Amino acid sequence: MKIAYDAKRFFQNSSGLGNYSRDLVRMLSQYYPENQYLLLNKKKTEKGQNILEREEVKFIKTSKGKFARQFKMGIDAQNADADIFHGLSGEIPLKWNHKTIKKIVTIHDLIFMRYPEFYSFFDRKIHFWKFKKAAHSADLVIAISEQTKQDVMHYLGVSEDKIKVVYQGCHNAFKEFISEERKKKITEKYHLPKHFILNVGTIEDRKNLLNVVKALRNENIPIVAVGRKTNYYKKIISEIKSYNQEVIFLENIPMEELAVFYRLADVFIYPSLFEGFGIPVIEALYSETPVITSNVSCLPEAGGAYSMYVNPESIEDIKAKILFLWNNEAERKRRAEKGLEYVQKFNDEKIARQIMAIYRKILSL
């Protein structure tokens, strides 16, 4: 079997869609090396080089020209004799030739429909058109959560029998043993507090970090926030100055070092207003760090029964849950142990098996 992928995100995105793309190809090539995995993009980058070293993974440079991703990538896949084309980020090409090829698209979320205020008018219209076109043109849609499945049905008008839910996993770095020496080295390198709460994700309105900062006024609990800054960051800085809180902001942390941050944290907090899935929650659970996250969208799917849930709009609820875990080491340990058991449902082999079953079934139709 030959599977071609739109590898733009694989080669160009450092987190989010990039991690999903790289992890998917890595898992499939590991557990099903008898197939060929074709990565189509205009150029290679340093991202995912270890995956490209595998014999069954091949880079294919797409044809040149304007809008080549939309009008030439699909034909490039057909000319490479691919059996399946898998769009990994809500899009598939618009143009194809006469050769038979099955089409699959993964849709991660439709946040631009639920929270239009976070997007420009132009971006909303373009996203909606591309996602709807891809969902209806594809032979099958993969949704990364039950929440996303429901949104695809509601907003894009796709029938339920055309959608399969396959959860995401996370990078192996979060599953590996980390020595005390390594922890000490990272603590010293980034001047981390001995005890702290960790938040990972873009510093933007939807991720809702400001409510965490407000919840911890005068509580003397350090926060370490790892993520790209947006204008929302200025609101947080203004709040911090008012109460002289200890909040450490960091960006562009390598995955192997970020994994240490999770292990060092006492609590992981992720009070997002809405997510398609919430990979940081999975990363924290694999890292044996207790999780506090929102009781909305797909986050309870990701967090399981032993994470703690808050109303992300309620500063008092966020504060109460943080203080409960922060002051109760035994409870943190219990939830971390149970969370590690739960998160095994997102392990690599299970996800690879589910995706491969989809590929085989669609080829048989």
Foldseek 3Di string as FASTA:
>chain_A
DEEEEACPLCAPPPDDLVQQVLLLLQLQCVVPVVAAYEYEEQDHHPGNPVSCVDPRYYYDHWDDDPPSQAATRQQVCVVVVGQEYEYSELAHHDYYDDGHHAYEYEYLALVCVVCVVVDDPVVNVVSLVRNLVRCVPHQAYEAQFVLRLVVCCVSNVHDSVRYDHFHAAGDCLLQDDDDPVNLVVLCVVQVPDQEAEEEEEELDVQQLVQLVLVLCQPVQHEYEYEHHYDPSVVVSVVSCVVRVHHYHYYYDDDPNSVSSVLLSYQEYEGAGNETSACNVLLSNLSSLFAYEYAPDRRDCVSQDDLHHHAHSVDSNRSNVVVVVSVVDSVSRNVSSVVSNVVSCCNDSNNSSVVVVVVVVVVSVD
